[in-house]
C-alpha atoms as a PDB file:
ATOM      1  CA  UNK A   1      16.300  34.509 -49.731  1.00  0.00           C
ATOM      2  CA  UNK A   2      15.696  33.277 -46.204  1.00  0.00           C
ATOM      3  CA  UNK A   3      13.234  30.156 -45.902  1.00  0.00           C
ATOM      4  CA  UNK A   4      11.551  30.443 -42.452  1.00  0.00           C
ATOM      5  CA  UNK A   5       9.771  26.644 -40.985  1.00  0.00           C
ATOM      6  CA  UNK A   6       8.129  27.280 -37.428  1.00  0.00           C
ATOM      7  CA  UNK A   7       6.355  24.719 -35.742  1.00  0.00           C
ATOM      8  CA  UNK A   8       5.262  23.267 -32.391  1.00  0.00           C
ATOM      9  CA  UNK A   9       5.193  19.494 -31.313  1.00  0.00           C
ATOM     10  CA  UNK A  10       2.531  18.066 -29.468  1.00  0.00           C
ATOM     11  CA  UNK A  11       3.743  14.579 -28.493  1.00  0.00           C
ATOM     12  CA  UNK A  12       6.155  14.917 -25.413  1.00  0.00           C
ATOM     13  CA  UNK A  13       6.897  11.045 -25.901  1.00  0.00           C
ATOM     14  CA  UNK A  14       8.439  11.145 -29.369  1.00  0.00           C
ATOM     15  CA  UNK A  15       9.434  14.797 -29.217  1.00  0.00           C
ATOM     16  CA  UNK A  16      12.952  13.974 -28.700  1.00  0.00           C
ATOM     17  CA  UNK A  17      13.050  11.363 -31.677  1.00  0.00           C
ATOM     18  CA  UNK A  18      11.540  13.899 -34.162  1.00  0.00           C
ATOM     19  CA  UNK A  19      14.118  16.466 -33.198  1.00  0.00           C
ATOM     20  CA  UNK A  20      17.006  14.000 -33.809  1.00  0.00           C
ATOM     21  CA  UNK A  21      15.448  13.089 -36.871  1.00  0.00           C
ATOM     22  CA  UNK A  22      14.825  16.980 -37.946  1.00  0.00           C
ATOM     23  CA  UNK A  23      18.483  17.789 -36.927  1.00  0.00           C
ATOM     24  CA  UNK A  24      20.654  14.877 -37.854  1.00  0.00           C
ATOM     25  CA  UNK A  25      18.693  13.455 -41.061  1.00  0.00           C
ATOM     26  CA  UNK A  26      16.226  16.178 -42.641  1.00  0.00           C
ATOM     27  CA  UNK A  27      18.597  19.164 -42.152  1.00  0.00           C
ATOM     28  CA  UNK A  28      21.414  17.228 -43.954  1.00  0.00           C
ATOM     29  CA  UNK A  29      19.555  16.394 -46.461  1.00  0.00           C
ATOM     30  CA  UNK A  30      18.006  19.691 -46.936  1.00  0.00           C
ATOM     31  CA  UNK A  31      21.636  21.461 -47.483  1.00  0.00           C
ATOM     32  CA  UNK A  32      22.242  18.618 -50.047  1.00  0.00           C
ATOM     33  CA  UNK A  33      19.018  20.029 -52.240  1.00  0.00           C
ATOM     34  CA  UNK A  34      20.542  22.664 -54.961  1.00  0.00           C
ATOM     35  CA  UNK A  35      19.707  26.066 -54.036  1.00  0.00           C
ATOM     36  CA  UNK A  36      20.202  25.385 -50.542  1.00  0.00           C
ATOM     37  CA  UNK A  37      23.144  27.378 -48.847  1.00  0.00           C
ATOM     38  CA  UNK A  38      22.610  27.280 -44.955  1.00  0.00           C
ATOM     39  CA  UNK A  39      20.378  25.367 -42.625  1.00  0.00           C
ATOM     40  CA  UNK A  40      20.246  26.042 -38.756  1.00  0.00           C
ATOM     41  CA  UNK A  41      17.444  25.041 -36.124  1.00  0.00           C
ATOM     42  CA  UNK A  42      16.815  27.113 -32.817  1.00  0.00           C
ATOM     43  CA  UNK A  43      14.014  26.408 -29.914  1.00  0.00           C
ATOM     44  CA  UNK A  44      12.120  29.354 -28.709  1.00  0.00           C
ATOM     45  CA  UNK A  45      13.024  30.765 -24.698  1.00  0.00           C
ATOM     46  CA  UNK A  46       9.940  32.623 -25.517  1.00  0.00           C
ATOM     47  CA  UNK A  47       6.164  32.607 -25.072  1.00  0.00           C
ATOM     48  CA  UNK A  48       3.259  32.728 -27.377  1.00  0.00           C
ATOM     49  CA  UNK A  49       5.286  31.606 -30.575  1.00  0.00           C
ATOM     50  CA  UNK A  50       6.263  28.322 -32.228  1.00  0.00           C
ATOM     51  CA  UNK A  51       8.136  26.486 -29.979  1.00  0.00           C
ATOM     52  CA  UNK A  52      10.912  25.557 -33.388  1.00  0.00           C
ATOM     53  CA  UNK A  53      12.172  27.233 -35.775  1.00  0.00           C
ATOM     54  CA  UNK A  54      14.745  26.525 -39.006  1.00  0.00           C
ATOM     55  CA  UNK A  55      16.249  29.376 -40.871  1.00  0.00           C
ATOM     56  CA  UNK A  56      17.823  28.673 -44.430  1.00  0.00           C
ATOM     57  CA  UNK A  57      19.310  30.662 -47.195  1.00  0.00           C
ATOM     58  CA  UNK A  58      17.898  29.491 -50.799  1.00  0.00           C
ATOM     59  CA  UNK A  59      17.953  30.934 -54.103  1.00  0.00           C
ATOM     60  CA  UNK A  60      14.587  31.369 -54.429  1.00  0.00           C
ATOM     61  CA  UNK A  61      10.920  29.944 -54.376  1.00  0.00           C
ATOM     62  CA  UNK A  62      11.722  27.583 -57.464  1.00  0.00           C
ATOM     63  CA  UNK A  63      14.641  25.264 -55.093  1.00  0.00           C
ATOM     64  CA  UNK A  64      11.216  24.908 -52.521  1.00  0.00           C
ATOM     65  CA  UNK A  65       8.988  23.330 -55.460  1.00  0.00           C
ATOM     66  CA  UNK A  66      11.362  21.185 -57.503  1.00  0.00           C
ATOM     67  CA  UNK A  67      11.594  17.749 -57.606  1.00  0.00           C
ATOM     68  CA  UNK A  68      14.756  17.492 -55.694  1.00  0.00           C
ATOM     69  CA  UNK A  69      13.896  19.166 -52.516  1.00  0.00           C
ATOM     70  CA  UNK A  70      10.774  16.898 -52.338  1.00  0.00           C
ATOM     71  CA  UNK A  71      12.894  13.753 -52.835  1.00  0.00           C
ATOM     72  CA  UNK A  72      15.543  14.929 -50.390  1.00  0.00           C
ATOM     73  CA  UNK A  73      13.793  16.770 -47.213  1.00  0.00           C
ATOM     74  CA  UNK A  74      10.597  19.057 -48.211  1.00  0.00           C
ATOM     75  CA  UNK A  75       7.661  17.314 -46.779  1.00  0.00           C
ATOM     76  CA  UNK A  76       8.868  14.043 -45.276  1.00  0.00           C
ATOM     77  CA  UNK A  77       7.497  14.645 -41.690  1.00  0.00           C
ATOM     78  CA  UNK A  78       4.760  11.592 -42.487  1.00  0.00           C
ATOM     79  CA  UNK A  79       5.441   9.851 -39.568  1.00  0.00           C
ATOM     80  CA  UNK A  80       4.893  12.711 -36.920  1.00  0.00           C
ATOM     81  CA  UNK A  81       2.156  14.842 -38.870  1.00  0.00           C
ATOM     82  CA  UNK A  82      -0.272  14.594 -36.874  1.00  0.00           C
ATOM     83  CA  UNK A  83       1.952  16.063 -33.309  1.00  0.00           C
ATOM     84  CA  UNK A  84       2.994  19.005 -35.849  1.00  0.00           C
ATOM     85  CA  UNK A  85       1.437  22.019 -34.788  1.00  0.00           C
ATOM     86  CA  UNK A  86       1.228  25.843 -35.310  1.00  0.00           C
ATOM     87  CA  UNK A  87       3.233  24.964 -38.372  1.00  0.00           C
ATOM     88  CA  UNK A  88       3.893  28.003 -40.867  1.00  0.00           C
ATOM     89  CA  UNK A  89       6.439  28.591 -43.494  1.00  0.00           C
ATOM     90  CA  UNK A  90       7.545  32.020 -45.328  1.00  0.00           C
ATOM     91  CA  UNK A  91      10.360  32.927 -47.934  1.00  0.00           C
ATOM     92  CA  UNK A  92      11.746  36.768 -47.046  1.00  0.00           C
ATOM     93  CA  UNK A  93      13.522  38.871 -49.259  1.00  0.00           C
ATOM     94  CA  UNK A  94      17.470  38.630 -49.706  1.00  0.00           C
ATOM     95  CA  UNK A  95      19.744  39.627 -46.818  1.00  0.00           C
ATOM     96  CA  UNK A  96      22.083  37.288 -48.429  1.00  0.00           C
ATOM     97  CA  UNK A  97      23.379  34.245 -46.018  1.00  0.00           C
ATOM     98  CA  UNK A  98      21.660  33.920 -42.944  1.00  0.00           C
ATOM     99  CA  UNK A  99      23.690  34.965 -39.807  1.00  0.00           C
ATOM    100  CA  UNK A 100      25.240  31.557 -37.734  1.00  0.00           C
ATOM    101  CA  UNK A 101      24.130  31.785 -34.406  1.00  0.00           C
ATOM    102  CA  UNK A 102      26.547  30.064 -32.044  1.00  0.00           C
ATOM    103  CA  UNK A 103      26.185  28.401 -28.478  1.00  0.00           C
ATOM    104  CA  UNK A 104      27.014  31.360 -26.799  1.00  0.00           C
ATOM    105  CA  UNK A 105      24.322  33.412 -28.758  1.00  0.00           C
ATOM    106  CA  UNK A 106      20.341  34.025 -29.371  1.00  0.00           C
ATOM    107  CA  UNK A 107      18.595  34.817 -32.300  1.00  0.00           C
ATOM    108  CA  UNK A 108      16.451  37.791 -32.022  1.00  0.00           C
ATOM    109  CA  UNK A 109      13.242  38.010 -33.939  1.00  0.00           C
ATOM    110  CA  UNK A 110      10.972  40.898 -33.977  1.00  0.00           C
ATOM    111  CA  UNK A 111       7.793  42.141 -35.947  1.00  0.00           C
ATOM    112  CA  UNK A 112       6.925  45.409 -34.853  1.00  0.00           C
ATOM    113  CA  UNK A 113       9.715  46.978 -36.725  1.00  0.00           C
ATOM    114  CA  UNK A 114      13.766  47.745 -35.892  1.00  0.00           C
ATOM    115  CA  UNK A 115      13.313  49.915 -33.119  1.00  0.00           C
ATOM    116  CA  UNK A 116      12.974  47.714 -30.284  1.00  0.00           C
ATOM    117  CA  UNK A 117      16.093  45.637 -31.091  1.00  0.00           C
ATOM    118  CA  UNK A 118      18.302  48.721 -31.991  1.00  0.00           C
ATOM    119  CA  UNK A 119      17.204  49.793 -28.281  1.00  0.00           C
ATOM    120  CA  UNK A 120      18.767  46.353 -27.316  1.00  0.00           C
ATOM    121  CA  UNK A 121      21.659  46.933 -28.785  1.00  0.00           C
ATOM    122  CA  UNK A 122      21.649  45.089 -31.593  1.00  0.00           C
ATOM    123  CA  UNK A 123      21.798  45.580 -35.374  1.00  0.00           C
ATOM    124  CA  UNK A 124      18.623  44.390 -37.149  1.00  0.00           C
ATOM    125  CA  UNK A 125      18.684  42.656 -40.404  1.00  0.00           C
ATOM    126  CA  UNK A 126      15.057  43.747 -42.151  1.00  0.00           C
ATOM    127  CA  UNK A 127      13.670  41.291 -44.152  1.00  0.00           C
ATOM    128  CA  UNK A 128      10.472  41.138 -46.350  1.00  0.00           C
ATOM    129  CA  UNK A 129       7.978  38.140 -46.754  1.00  0.00           C
ATOM    130  CA  UNK A 130       7.720  37.828 -50.504  1.00  0.00           C
ATOM    131  CA  UNK A 131       5.991  34.235 -50.892  1.00  0.00           C
ATOM    132  CA  UNK A 132       4.423  31.333 -48.778  1.00  0.00           C
ATOM    133  CA  UNK A 133       2.100  32.364 -45.871  1.00  0.00           C
ATOM    134  CA  UNK A 134       3.759  36.253 -46.197  1.00  0.00           C
ATOM    135  CA  UNK A 135       2.955  36.582 -42.390  1.00  0.00           C
ATOM    136  CA  UNK A 136       4.258  38.215 -40.866  1.00  0.00           C
ATOM    137  CA  UNK A 137       4.778  40.362 -43.772  1.00  0.00           C
ATOM    138  CA  UNK A 138       8.009  42.163 -42.137  1.00  0.00           C
ATOM    139  CA  UNK A 139      10.367  40.847 -39.991  1.00  0.00           C
ATOM    140  CA  UNK A 140      13.731  41.899 -38.437  1.00  0.00           C
ATOM    141  CA  UNK A 141      16.626  39.899 -37.141  1.00  0.00           C
ATOM    142  CA  UNK A 142      19.749  40.115 -34.769  1.00  0.00           C
ATOM    143  CA  UNK A 143      22.310  37.780 -32.940  1.00  0.00           C
ATOM    144  CA  UNK A 144      22.376  38.683 -28.908  1.00  0.00           C
ATOM    145  CA  UNK A 145      25.294  37.251 -27.175  1.00  0.00           C
ATOM    146  CA  UNK A 146      24.046  35.148 -24.082  1.00  0.00           C
ATOM    147  CA  UNK A 147      26.256  37.830 -22.205  1.00  0.00           C
ATOM    148  CA  UNK A 148      24.018  40.350 -22.874  1.00  0.00           C
ATOM    149  CA  UNK A 149      20.844  38.847 -22.098  1.00  0.00           C
ATOM    150  CA  UNK A 150      20.940  40.130 -18.507  1.00  0.00           C
ATOM    151  CA  UNK A 151      20.896  43.410 -19.861  1.00  0.00           C
ATOM    152  CA  UNK A 152      16.953  42.647 -21.017  1.00  0.00           C
ATOM    153  CA  UNK A 153      14.934  43.291 -18.588  1.00  0.00           C
ATOM    154  CA  UNK A 154      11.838  42.253 -20.224  1.00  0.00           C
ATOM    155  CA  UNK A 155      11.208  41.797 -23.903  1.00  0.00           C
ATOM    156  CA  UNK A 156       9.576  44.439 -26.179  1.00  0.00           C
ATOM    157  CA  UNK A 157       5.976  43.087 -28.057  1.00  0.00           C
ATOM    158  CA  UNK A 158       6.733  41.557 -30.960  1.00  0.00           C
ATOM    159  CA  UNK A 159      10.414  40.531 -29.820  1.00  0.00           C
ATOM    160  CA  UNK A 160      10.946  36.626 -29.458  1.00  0.00           C
ATOM    161  CA  UNK A 161      14.341  34.872 -28.480  1.00  0.00           C
ATOM    162  CA  UNK A 162      15.478  31.405 -29.545  1.00  0.00           C
ATOM    163  CA  UNK A 163      18.837  29.283 -28.802  1.00  0.00           C
ATOM    164  CA  UNK A 164      20.453  27.433 -32.029  1.00  0.00           C
ATOM    165  CA  UNK A 165      19.652  23.599 -31.462  1.00  0.00           C
ATOM    166  CA  UNK A 166      21.847  22.845 -34.564  1.00  0.00           C
ATOM    167  CA  UNK A 167      25.089  24.683 -35.472  1.00  0.00           C
ATOM    168  CA  UNK A 168      24.312  26.266 -38.915  1.00  0.00           C
ATOM    169  CA  UNK A 169      25.039  23.883 -41.924  1.00  0.00           C
ATOM    170  CA  UNK A 170      26.771  25.384 -44.689  1.00  0.00           C
ATOM    171  CA  UNK A 171      26.855  24.049 -48.537  1.00  0.00           C
ATOM    172  CA  UNK A 172      29.960  24.445 -50.506  1.00  0.00           C
ATOM    173  CA  UNK A 173      29.595  26.346 -54.244  1.00  0.00           C
ATOM    174  CA  UNK A 174      29.136  29.861 -55.081  1.00  0.00           C
ATOM    175  CA  UNK A 175      26.131  31.906 -53.713  1.00  0.00           C
ATOM    176  CA  UNK A 176      24.089  34.173 -56.667  1.00  0.00           C
ATOM    177  CA  UNK A 177      26.010  37.304 -57.293  1.00  0.00           C
ATOM    178  CA  UNK A 178      25.749  39.970 -54.700  1.00  0.00           C
ATOM    179  CA  UNK A 179      25.162  37.506 -51.474  1.00  0.00           C
ATOM    180  CA  UNK A 180      27.711  37.691 -48.885  1.00  0.00           C
ATOM    181  CA  UNK A 181      29.845  34.783 -49.258  1.00  0.00           C
ATOM    182  CA  UNK A 182      30.702  33.619 -45.541  1.00  0.00           C
ATOM    183  CA  UNK A 183      31.001  29.781 -45.191  1.00  0.00           C
ATOM    184  CA  UNK A 184      30.004  29.139 -48.785  1.00  0.00           C
ATOM    185  CA  UNK A 185      33.546  27.564 -49.567  1.00  0.00           C
ATOM    186  CA  UNK A 186      33.199  25.011 -46.828  1.00  0.00           C
ATOM    187  CA  UNK A 187      31.766  21.491 -47.042  1.00  0.00           C
ATOM    188  CA  UNK A 188      28.592  21.022 -45.365  1.00  0.00           C
ATOM    189  CA  UNK A 189      28.998  20.220 -41.749  1.00  0.00           C
ATOM    190  CA  UNK A 190      26.874  17.310 -41.303  1.00  0.00           C
ATOM    191  CA  UNK A 191      28.206  16.249 -37.735  1.00  0.00           C
ATOM    192  CA  UNK A 192      26.629  18.977 -35.909  1.00  0.00           C
END
């Protein structure tokens, strides 16, 4: 399943320190939680959506309600809690391991259906909200090579672009039956 966390940050003076904490401490802690298989952070280059997005591949909702998650990474934003705004969490139906988005690519998220992403020459993956906020109820995810960004004159309504802030961290070990095993046998990449 795909677990998304979106937010903005209201204090420019501490934003760099918060981003360092999230990228260098929180993501490695999360990927060490049993049931987490991948984690990656993004920053929006679109307007009108939360600035930050984290996408994780998890086994299910029970991972997010478990003690290990609470101890290792879930909810440890106390120091910055008052600065975190526009915060949203969703759990989406399974698309396998979330695709890694590389430095020369952008993540595209759409909420109005796959047609606008297909018209951009992309191959969207459809996701259905199954837990937490359940909004937006449906989302489509695709990867756009930066070299093709110039082909997108204006973004369709309901489509946002994100650039990766980190490489995708992956966890060693088997994924549940039927899931994409891409990069699952590698040790967690904790350096990026």
